[in-house]
Amino acid sequence: MVEPFITPKDAALALLNSEQRLTRKAGSFLGQTAVDGTPLTPAQAEWLATMLARAGFPPLADGGQA
């Protein structure tokens, strides 16, 4: 079983370092998530979860609320 990402920062960095095509908006969001420790809103956590699923990556632990 693949371990989930513990923090949104880890997930964002993995997506930024992957070969995934990202829009400017998605890249900006992921960059901000990587450097800002503010908890994600439910909508942001859902967007990050969607990007992770589309990339074939594991989900966020605790739905991104950790």
N, C-alpha and C. Protein backbone atom coordinates (compact mmCIF):
# COMPACT_ATOMS: atom_id res chain seq x y z
N MET A 1 0.84 -1.19 0.00
CA MET A 1 0.00 0.00 0.00
C MET A 1 0.89 1.25 0.00
N VAL A 2 0.48 2.24 -0.76
CA VAL A 2 1.22 3.49 -0.84
C VAL A 2 0.79 4.38 0.32
N GLU A 3 1.78 4.95 0.98
CA GLU A 3 1.50 5.82 2.12
C GLU A 3 0.96 7.17 1.64
N PRO A 4 -0.03 7.72 2.34
CA PRO A 4 -0.55 9.05 1.96
C PRO A 4 0.45 10.14 2.32
N PHE A 5 0.28 11.28 1.69
CA PHE A 5 1.11 12.44 2.03
C PHE A 5 0.67 12.94 3.40
N ILE A 6 1.63 13.25 4.25
CA ILE A 6 1.32 13.71 5.61
C ILE A 6 0.89 15.17 5.61
N THR A 7 1.55 15.98 4.81
CA THR A 7 1.22 17.41 4.80
C THR A 7 0.88 17.88 3.39
N PRO A 8 0.08 18.91 3.29
CA PRO A 8 -0.18 19.49 1.97
C PRO A 8 1.11 19.96 1.30
N LYS A 9 2.07 20.44 2.09
CA LYS A 9 3.35 20.89 1.53
C LYS A 9 4.04 19.75 0.79
N ASP A 10 4.09 18.57 1.41
CA ASP A 10 4.72 17.41 0.76
C ASP A 10 4.01 17.05 -0.54
N ALA A 11 2.70 17.10 -0.52
CA ALA A 11 1.92 16.78 -1.72
C ALA A 11 2.16 17.81 -2.81
N ALA A 12 2.16 19.07 -2.43
CA ALA A 12 2.37 20.15 -3.41
C ALA A 12 3.75 20.04 -4.04
N LEU A 13 4.77 19.78 -3.24
CA LEU A 13 6.12 19.65 -3.78
C LEU A 13 6.24 18.46 -4.71
N ALA A 14 5.58 17.37 -4.37
CA ALA A 14 5.61 16.20 -5.24
C ALA A 14 4.98 16.51 -6.60
N LEU A 15 3.87 17.22 -6.59
CA LEU A 15 3.23 17.59 -7.85
C LEU A 15 4.08 18.56 -8.65
N LEU A 16 4.67 19.53 -7.98
CA LEU A 16 5.52 20.49 -8.68
C LEU A 16 6.74 19.83 -9.30
N ASN A 17 7.27 18.80 -8.65
CA ASN A 17 8.46 18.10 -9.13
C ASN A 17 8.15 16.98 -10.10
N SER A 18 6.88 16.74 -10.35
CA SER A 18 6.49 15.66 -11.25
C SER A 18 6.47 16.17 -12.69
N GLU A 19 6.18 15.27 -13.59
CA GLU A 19 6.09 15.61 -15.01
C GLU A 19 4.67 16.03 -15.40
N GLN A 20 3.82 16.28 -14.42
CA GLN A 20 2.43 16.66 -14.69
C GLN A 20 2.37 18.04 -15.33
N ARG A 21 1.47 18.17 -16.29
CA ARG A 21 1.22 19.49 -16.89
C ARG A 21 0.31 20.25 -15.94
N LEU A 22 0.73 21.42 -15.57
CA LEU A 22 -0.03 22.24 -14.63
C LEU A 22 -0.37 23.57 -15.28
N THR A 23 -1.55 24.06 -14.96
CA THR A 23 -1.90 25.41 -15.39
C THR A 23 -1.14 26.41 -14.52
N ARG A 24 -1.10 27.63 -14.97
CA ARG A 24 -0.46 28.68 -14.18
C ARG A 24 -1.15 28.81 -12.82
N LYS A 25 -2.47 28.72 -12.82
CA LYS A 25 -3.23 28.83 -11.58
C LYS A 25 -2.89 27.69 -10.63
N ALA A 26 -2.82 26.47 -11.16
CA ALA A 26 -2.49 25.30 -10.33
C ALA A 26 -1.07 25.41 -9.80
N GLY A 27 -0.14 25.83 -10.66
CA GLY A 27 1.24 25.99 -10.22
C GLY A 27 1.39 27.03 -9.13
N SER A 28 0.65 28.12 -9.27
CA SER A 28 0.68 29.17 -8.26
C SER A 28 0.12 28.65 -6.93
N PHE A 29 -0.99 27.94 -7.01
CA PHE A 29 -1.59 27.37 -5.80
C PHE A 29 -0.63 26.39 -5.13
N LEU A 30 -0.01 25.52 -5.92
CA LEU A 30 0.90 24.53 -5.35
C LEU A 30 2.13 25.21 -4.75
N GLY A 31 2.64 26.24 -5.41
CA GLY A 31 3.78 26.98 -4.87
C GLY A 31 3.45 27.64 -3.55
N GLN A 32 2.29 28.25 -3.48
CA GLN A 32 1.87 28.89 -2.23
C GLN A 32 1.67 27.85 -1.14
N THR A 33 1.09 26.70 -1.50
CA THR A 33 0.88 25.63 -0.53
C THR A 33 2.21 25.12 0.00
N ALA A 34 3.22 25.07 -0.86
CA ALA A 34 4.53 24.57 -0.46
C ALA A 34 5.24 25.49 0.53
N VAL A 35 4.98 26.79 0.48
CA VAL A 35 5.71 27.73 1.33
C VAL A 35 4.89 28.31 2.48
N ASP A 36 3.58 28.18 2.44
CA ASP A 36 2.71 28.76 3.46
C ASP A 36 2.08 27.65 4.29
N GLY A 37 2.32 27.67 5.58
CA GLY A 37 1.82 26.63 6.46
C GLY A 37 0.38 26.80 6.90
N THR A 38 -0.32 27.79 6.35
CA THR A 38 -1.71 28.01 6.72
C THR A 38 -2.54 26.79 6.33
N PRO A 39 -3.42 26.31 7.21
CA PRO A 39 -4.25 25.15 6.85
C PRO A 39 -5.08 25.43 5.60
N LEU A 40 -5.30 24.39 4.82
CA LEU A 40 -6.10 24.52 3.60
C LEU A 40 -7.57 24.66 3.94
N THR A 41 -8.28 25.43 3.14
CA THR A 41 -9.73 25.46 3.26
C THR A 41 -10.27 24.15 2.69
N PRO A 42 -11.51 23.81 2.97
CA PRO A 42 -12.07 22.58 2.38
C PRO A 42 -11.99 22.58 0.85
N ALA A 43 -12.23 23.71 0.22
CA ALA A 43 -12.17 23.78 -1.25
C ALA A 43 -10.73 23.57 -1.74
N GLN A 44 -9.76 24.14 -1.04
CA GLN A 44 -8.36 23.96 -1.43
C GLN A 44 -7.94 22.50 -1.25
N ALA A 45 -8.34 21.89 -0.14
CA ALA A 45 -8.01 20.49 0.11
C ALA A 45 -8.61 19.59 -0.97
N GLU A 46 -9.82 19.91 -1.40
CA GLU A 46 -10.47 19.13 -2.46
C GLU A 46 -9.72 19.29 -3.78
N TRP A 47 -9.31 20.50 -4.10
CA TRP A 47 -8.58 20.75 -5.35
C TRP A 47 -7.24 19.99 -5.34
N LEU A 48 -6.54 20.06 -4.21
CA LEU A 48 -5.27 19.35 -4.10
C LEU A 48 -5.49 17.84 -4.22
N ALA A 49 -6.53 17.33 -3.59
CA ALA A 49 -6.85 15.90 -3.68
C ALA A 49 -7.15 15.51 -5.12
N THR A 50 -7.85 16.35 -5.85
CA THR A 50 -8.16 16.07 -7.25
C THR A 50 -6.89 16.03 -8.09
N MET A 51 -5.99 16.99 -7.87
CA MET A 51 -4.73 17.00 -8.62
C MET A 51 -3.90 15.77 -8.31
N LEU A 52 -3.88 15.36 -7.04
CA LEU A 52 -3.12 14.16 -6.66
C LEU A 52 -3.70 12.92 -7.33
N ALA A 53 -5.02 12.80 -7.32
CA ALA A 53 -5.67 11.63 -7.93
C ALA A 53 -5.41 11.58 -9.43
N ARG A 54 -5.50 12.71 -10.10
CA ARG A 54 -5.26 12.75 -11.55
C ARG A 54 -3.82 12.39 -11.89
N ALA A 55 -2.90 12.70 -11.00
CA ALA A 55 -1.49 12.40 -11.22
C ALA A 55 -1.14 10.97 -10.82
N GLY A 56 -2.09 10.28 -10.20
CA GLY A 56 -1.83 8.91 -9.76
C GLY A 56 -1.04 8.84 -8.47
N PHE A 57 -1.06 9.92 -7.70
CA PHE A 57 -0.34 9.98 -6.44
C PHE A 57 -1.26 9.56 -5.29
N PRO A 58 -0.66 9.19 -4.14
CA PRO A 58 -1.49 8.86 -2.98
C PRO A 58 -2.23 10.09 -2.47
N PRO A 59 -3.28 9.89 -1.69
CA PRO A 59 -4.05 11.02 -1.17
C PRO A 59 -3.34 11.70 0.00
N LEU A 60 -3.94 12.76 0.48
CA LEU A 60 -3.47 13.42 1.70
C LEU A 60 -3.99 12.66 2.90
N ALA A 61 -3.16 12.54 3.92
CA ALA A 61 -3.61 11.97 5.18
C ALA A 61 -4.61 12.94 5.79
N ASP A 62 -5.63 12.43 6.41
CA ASP A 62 -6.65 13.26 7.07
C ASP A 62 -7.32 14.23 6.12
N GLY A 63 -7.33 13.94 4.84
CA GLY A 63 -8.00 14.81 3.88
C GLY A 63 -7.38 16.19 3.75
N GLY A 64 -6.12 16.34 4.18
CA GLY A 64 -5.45 17.62 4.06
C GLY A 64 -5.65 18.52 5.24
N GLN A 65 -6.31 18.05 6.27
CA GLN A 65 -6.58 18.89 7.43
C GLN A 65 -5.55 18.69 8.54
N ALA A 66 -4.48 17.95 8.26
CA ALA A 66 -3.45 17.70 9.26
C ALA A 66 -2.56 18.91 9.44
